[in-house]
Amino acid sequence: MKKVVLLFLGFIAWNFVSAQETTCDPDQNVADTVVVAPLPQSVGRPDGGIVDTACADEYYKFVFTFNIPATYTTPFGPAAITNVSIATDGAVENMPASFDYVCNPPNCVFNAETKGCVVLFGTPTAGEVMAHDLKVTANVALTGIPLPLTLTLPDDLEAESHYYLVVKPAGSANCFMVDTRESFASQFSISNQPNPGSGWTQIQVNAQSGGAFDFLVSDMLGQKLHRERVTILPGDNTIEYNGSHLPNGVYLYSLSNGREMVTRKMIISRQ
């Protein structure tokens, strides 16, 4: 085990790479009248839903684009929307355990009459070969109403509709192929333990190739909290990070070569 020990050197000003590399970019070609793209699969829309197929042992990602409307039709008539939000962790049910998601904006709060996106990403395992029927829990904050309206998507927008994330066995035909930027992420297996934890954590990095990288930590609003230059060697590496000074919450940690970035989440939770 090769170990890279991070010594805290104080806050260093640095520039994040583009949001597309850390999260996603909304598809600007999606019409403003379309609430979510792609639309889900249904009896009347058999070609809808997630059309790209994942393969076991291959990195995969898929982007949903959202156009948040100005109003939501309730049983009592239309009401003005303040925002639509999902939890930054755990909002997507039935997702493969090897997958995660990140939003743009990073706090997963989408204001009315704005465009945003959510990217699902991960490297599925052989044990996850199946059709995963994804469900998303969303909260709709309505102007003048104290409690948000909780929806399960896509069911509550369209009955008998689905977003199936299909994972096929390794080497299957017609599987989604990553581009050059996405293949950067596929060169690393990254996780941290404990997660959740009280602040101190070990980031386990298994790398196909080595080099010098920036280890970055930010909050879910995109505020930069830590930067450290590390050397990653081919094989197993450990990065030790002490986040005991941070309040409870969800944070992003990343490895970047200055052009591309792979990002994961860590949760700090103290009793």
Protein backbone atom coordinates (compact mmCIF):
# COMPACT_ATOMS: atom_id res chain seq x y z
CA MET A 1 0.00 0.00 0.00
CA LYS A 2 1.45 3.31 -1.05
CA LYS A 3 0.42 6.10 1.30
CA VAL A 4 0.13 9.79 0.59
CA VAL A 5 -0.25 11.75 3.82
CA LEU A 6 -1.94 15.13 3.42
CA LEU A 7 -0.60 17.80 5.76
CA PHE A 8 -2.89 20.77 6.14
CA LEU A 9 -1.10 23.86 4.84
CA GLY A 10 -3.95 26.34 5.29
CA PHE A 11 -6.35 27.61 2.70
CA ILE A 12 -4.88 28.05 -0.77
CA ALA A 13 -6.79 30.04 -3.38
CA TRP A 14 -7.39 28.00 -6.49
CA ASN A 15 -9.66 27.85 -9.49
CA PHE A 16 -12.03 24.98 -10.01
CA VAL A 17 -12.12 23.43 -13.46
CA SER A 18 -15.36 23.86 -15.35
CA ALA A 19 -18.68 22.73 -13.90
CA GLN A 20 -19.01 20.21 -16.71
CA GLU A 21 -16.06 18.29 -15.31
CA THR A 22 -17.24 18.34 -11.69
CA THR A 23 -20.95 17.86 -12.32
CA CYS A 24 -22.79 18.37 -15.60
CA ASP A 25 -23.99 21.01 -18.02
CA PRO A 26 -27.71 21.32 -18.83
CA ASP A 27 -28.54 20.51 -22.43
CA GLN A 28 -29.27 23.92 -23.92
CA ASN A 29 -31.05 22.26 -26.86
CA VAL A 30 -33.87 21.11 -24.58
CA ALA A 31 -36.91 23.36 -25.12
CA ASP A 32 -37.91 25.50 -22.16
CA THR A 33 -41.36 23.90 -22.24
CA VAL A 34 -39.89 20.44 -21.45
CA VAL A 35 -39.71 19.93 -17.67
CA VAL A 36 -37.26 17.02 -17.77
CA ALA A 37 -35.23 15.52 -20.60
CA PRO A 38 -35.28 12.79 -21.54
CA LEU A 39 -38.96 12.19 -20.89
CA PRO A 40 -39.63 8.84 -19.16
CA GLN A 41 -40.55 5.60 -20.86
CA SER A 42 -44.27 4.89 -20.91
CA VAL A 43 -46.88 2.95 -22.88
CA GLY A 44 -47.32 5.91 -25.21
CA ARG A 45 -43.59 6.65 -25.30
CA PRO A 46 -41.75 3.30 -25.62
CA ASP A 47 -38.58 5.02 -26.87
CA GLY A 48 -38.38 7.37 -23.87
CA GLY A 49 -36.30 7.09 -20.74
CA ILE A 50 -32.59 6.27 -20.47
CA VAL A 51 -31.62 4.98 -23.88
CA ASP A 52 -27.90 4.45 -23.18
CA THR A 53 -27.04 1.03 -21.78
CA ALA A 54 -24.35 0.48 -19.16
CA CYS A 55 -21.98 -2.51 -19.10
CA ALA A 56 -20.46 -4.16 -16.06
CA ASP A 57 -16.87 -3.03 -15.37
CA GLU A 58 -17.20 -0.01 -17.70
CA TYR A 59 -17.50 3.59 -16.50
CA TYR A 60 -20.88 5.11 -17.34
CA LYS A 61 -22.69 8.39 -16.87
CA PHE A 62 -26.05 9.83 -17.85
CA VAL A 63 -27.31 13.41 -17.60
CA PHE A 64 -30.85 14.59 -16.91
CA THR A 65 -31.69 18.19 -17.82
CA PHE A 66 -34.41 20.07 -15.91
CA ASN A 67 -36.40 23.17 -16.84
CA ILE A 68 -38.18 24.29 -13.69
CA PRO A 69 -41.53 25.91 -14.59
CA ALA A 70 -42.97 29.00 -12.94
CA THR A 71 -46.08 27.24 -11.64
CA TYR A 72 -47.28 23.82 -10.47
CA THR A 73 -50.85 22.67 -10.87
CA THR A 74 -52.29 21.59 -7.51
CA PRO A 75 -55.78 20.17 -6.83
CA PHE A 76 -56.73 23.74 -5.87
CA GLY A 77 -55.33 25.36 -9.00
CA PRO A 78 -51.91 26.61 -10.14
CA ALA A 79 -49.39 27.77 -7.52
CA ALA A 80 -46.14 29.67 -8.02
CA ILE A 81 -43.00 27.56 -7.64
CA THR A 82 -40.11 28.90 -5.55
CA ASN A 83 -37.77 25.98 -6.26
CA VAL A 84 -37.57 22.24 -6.76
CA SER A 85 -34.92 20.37 -4.77
CA ILE A 86 -33.61 16.88 -4.19
CA ALA A 87 -31.36 15.69 -1.38
CA THR A 88 -27.67 15.80 -2.24
CA ASP A 89 -27.46 12.16 -1.20
CA GLY A 90 -30.00 9.32 -1.23
CA ALA A 91 -32.68 10.95 -3.39
CA VAL A 92 -32.42 8.40 -6.22
CA GLU A 93 -33.94 5.04 -5.27
CA ASN A 94 -33.03 1.71 -6.91
CA MET A 95 -29.73 3.13 -8.20
CA PRO A 96 -26.88 0.59 -8.41
CA ALA A 97 -24.77 0.67 -5.25
CA SER A 98 -21.68 1.47 -7.34
CA PHE A 99 -23.33 4.67 -8.63
CA ASP A 100 -23.60 8.18 -7.29
CA TYR A 101 -25.06 11.45 -8.56
CA VAL A 102 -24.12 15.13 -8.50
CA CYS A 103 -26.21 18.17 -9.40
CA ASN A 104 -25.63 21.48 -11.13
CA PRO A 105 -26.21 23.62 -9.09
CA PRO A 106 -24.21 21.58 -6.52
CA ASN A 107 -26.77 22.02 -3.71
CA CYS A 108 -29.44 20.33 -5.89
CA VAL A 109 -31.84 23.27 -5.47
CA PHE A 110 -33.31 24.29 -8.83
CA ASN A 111 -34.99 27.70 -8.76
CA ALA A 112 -38.15 28.42 -10.74
CA GLU A 113 -37.63 29.33 -14.38
CA THR A 114 -34.05 28.07 -14.45
CA LYS A 115 -32.30 25.16 -16.15
CA GLY A 116 -30.21 22.59 -14.26
CA CYS A 117 -29.04 19.01 -14.46
CA VAL A 118 -28.24 15.85 -12.52
CA VAL A 119 -25.55 13.40 -13.63
CA LEU A 120 -25.61 9.72 -12.61
CA PHE A 121 -22.21 8.05 -12.80
CA GLY A 122 -20.40 4.91 -11.76
CA THR A 123 -18.82 1.63 -12.82
CA PRO A 124 -21.41 -1.13 -12.38
CA THR A 125 -20.42 -4.58 -11.19
CA ALA A 126 -21.41 -8.00 -12.50
CA GLY A 127 -23.81 -8.34 -9.57
CA GLU A 128 -25.70 -5.26 -10.74
CA VAL A 129 -26.62 -6.63 -14.17
CA MET A 130 -30.37 -5.93 -14.43
CA ALA A 131 -32.84 -3.15 -15.25
CA HIS A 132 -32.84 -0.66 -12.35
CA ASP A 133 -36.17 1.18 -12.10
CA LEU A 134 -35.00 4.58 -10.86
CA LYS A 135 -37.23 6.75 -8.67
CA VAL A 136 -36.36 10.27 -7.54
CA THR A 137 -37.79 11.99 -4.46
CA ALA A 138 -38.18 15.72 -5.10
CA ASN A 139 -39.51 18.56 -2.96
CA VAL A 140 -41.46 21.37 -4.62
CA ALA A 141 -41.44 24.61 -2.62
CA LEU A 142 -44.55 26.67 -3.46
CA THR A 143 -44.83 30.38 -2.76
CA GLY A 144 -47.01 31.09 0.27
CA ILE A 145 -47.22 27.42 1.34
CA PRO A 146 -45.06 26.61 4.40
CA LEU A 147 -44.38 22.92 3.69
CA PRO A 148 -42.94 21.61 0.43
CA LEU A 149 -44.83 19.19 -1.77
CA THR A 150 -42.99 15.87 -1.97
CA LEU A 151 -43.15 14.05 -5.29
CA THR A 152 -41.83 10.70 -6.49
CA LEU A 153 -40.61 11.05 -10.06
CA PRO A 154 -41.50 10.11 -12.67
CA ASP A 155 -44.63 8.43 -11.20
CA ASP A 156 -46.27 11.58 -9.84
CA LEU A 157 -45.79 13.45 -13.11
CA GLU A 158 -46.96 10.65 -15.39
CA ALA A 159 -48.59 7.40 -14.25
CA GLU A 160 -46.97 4.11 -15.26
CA SER A 161 -43.78 5.79 -16.47
CA HIS A 162 -40.19 4.66 -15.81
CA TYR A 163 -36.53 5.50 -16.01
CA TYR A 164 -34.83 2.13 -16.41
CA LEU A 165 -31.05 2.12 -16.04
CA VAL A 166 -30.09 -1.10 -17.83
CA VAL A 167 -26.79 -2.76 -16.88
CA LYS A 168 -25.61 -5.53 -19.22
CA PRO A 169 -22.82 -8.08 -18.69
CA ALA A 170 -19.26 -7.01 -19.46
CA GLY A 171 -18.47 -6.98 -23.17
CA SER A 172 -22.10 -6.78 -24.32
CA ALA A 173 -22.91 -5.01 -27.58
CA ASN A 174 -24.50 -1.55 -27.77
CA CYS A 175 -23.15 -0.37 -24.42
CA PHE A 176 -22.55 3.31 -23.76
CA MET A 177 -18.98 4.29 -24.66
CA VAL A 178 -17.26 7.00 -22.63
CA ASP A 179 -15.52 9.90 -24.31
CA THR A 180 -11.98 11.07 -23.55
CA ARG A 181 -13.00 13.22 -20.60
CA GLU A 182 -15.12 10.50 -19.05
CA SER A 183 -12.36 7.92 -19.51
CA PHE A 184 -10.23 9.99 -17.12
CA ALA A 185 -12.62 9.06 -14.32
CA SER A 186 -12.57 5.41 -15.36
CA GLN A 187 -8.81 5.28 -14.61
CA PHE A 188 -9.51 5.61 -10.88
CA SER A 189 -11.43 3.69 -8.27
CA ILE A 190 -12.01 6.12 -5.39
CA SER A 191 -13.84 5.77 -2.08
CA ASN A 192 -13.37 6.96 1.48
CA GLN A 193 -13.73 5.32 4.88
CA PRO A 194 -15.38 5.97 7.23
CA ASN A 195 -18.23 7.54 5.32
CA PRO A 196 -20.17 8.97 7.10
CA GLY A 197 -17.48 9.92 9.60
CA SER A 198 -16.63 12.49 12.23
CA GLY A 199 -14.17 14.32 9.96
CA TRP A 200 -10.97 12.30 9.68
CA THR A 201 -11.13 9.98 6.71
CA GLN A 202 -8.95 7.89 4.41
CA ILE A 203 -9.48 8.19 0.66
CA GLN A 204 -8.60 4.94 -1.09
CA VAL A 205 -7.40 5.46 -4.65
CA ASN A 206 -6.70 2.61 -7.04
CA ALA A 207 -5.11 4.10 -10.15
CA GLN A 208 -4.32 2.59 -13.53
CA SER A 209 -1.52 5.12 -14.03
CA GLY A 210 0.30 7.55 -11.80
CA GLY A 211 1.21 11.22 -11.73
CA ALA A 212 0.88 14.46 -9.80
CA PHE A 213 -2.68 15.55 -9.02
CA ASP A 214 -4.55 18.15 -7.02
CA PHE A 215 -6.62 16.74 -4.16
CA LEU A 216 -9.56 19.13 -3.70
CA VAL A 217 -12.31 19.50 -1.14
CA SER A 218 -15.34 21.79 -1.51
CA ASP A 219 -18.78 22.13 0.00
CA MET A 220 -21.98 21.49 -1.94
CA LEU A 221 -22.28 25.17 -2.82
CA GLY A 222 -18.95 25.00 -4.63
CA GLN A 223 -16.91 26.87 -2.00
CA LYS A 224 -13.30 25.72 -2.11
CA LEU A 225 -12.11 24.43 1.25
CA HIS A 226 -8.85 22.59 0.66
CA ARG A 227 -6.26 21.95 -2.03
CA GLU A 228 -3.19 19.73 -1.78
CA ARG A 229 -0.74 18.49 -4.40
CA VAL A 230 -0.36 14.72 -4.18
CA THR A 231 1.55 12.03 -6.03
CA ILE A 232 -0.52 9.03 -7.09
CA LEU A 233 1.26 5.83 -8.09
CA PRO A 234 -0.18 2.97 -10.17
CA GLY A 235 -2.08 0.61 -7.89
CA ASP A 236 -3.38 1.30 -4.39
CA ASN A 237 -2.91 4.66 -2.69
CA THR A 238 -4.26 6.20 0.51
CA ILE A 239 -4.90 9.90 1.07
CA GLU A 240 -5.51 10.94 4.67
CA TYR A 241 -7.69 14.01 5.16
CA ASN A 242 -8.68 15.64 8.44
CA GLY A 243 -11.99 17.44 8.06
CA SER A 244 -12.72 17.64 11.79
CA HIS A 245 -12.89 21.44 11.49
CA LEU A 246 -15.81 21.20 9.07
CA PRO A 247 -19.45 21.25 10.22
CA ASN A 248 -21.79 18.32 9.63
CA GLY A 249 -22.80 18.03 5.99
CA VAL A 250 -22.04 16.59 2.56
CA TYR A 251 -18.79 17.55 0.84
CA LEU A 252 -17.14 16.85 -2.50
CA TYR A 253 -13.58 15.56 -2.78
CA SER A 254 -11.79 15.31 -6.10
CA LEU A 255 -8.62 14.41 -7.94
CA SER A 256 -7.73 16.74 -10.83
CA ASN A 257 -4.92 16.90 -13.35
CA GLY A 258 -5.76 20.55 -14.06
CA ARG A 259 -7.92 19.72 -17.09
CA GLU A 260 -10.16 16.89 -15.92
CA MET A 261 -11.55 15.81 -12.59
CA VAL A 262 -13.07 12.80 -10.85
CA THR A 263 -15.33 13.63 -7.89
CA ARG A 264 -16.91 11.71 -5.03
CA LYS A 265 -18.90 12.62 -1.90
CA MET A 266 -18.06 12.36 1.77
CA ILE A 267 -20.44 12.89 4.66
CA ILE A 268 -19.40 14.38 8.00
CA SER A 269 -21.82 13.50 10.75
CA ARG A 270 -21.08 13.84 14.46
CA GLN A 271 -23.52 12.85 17.20
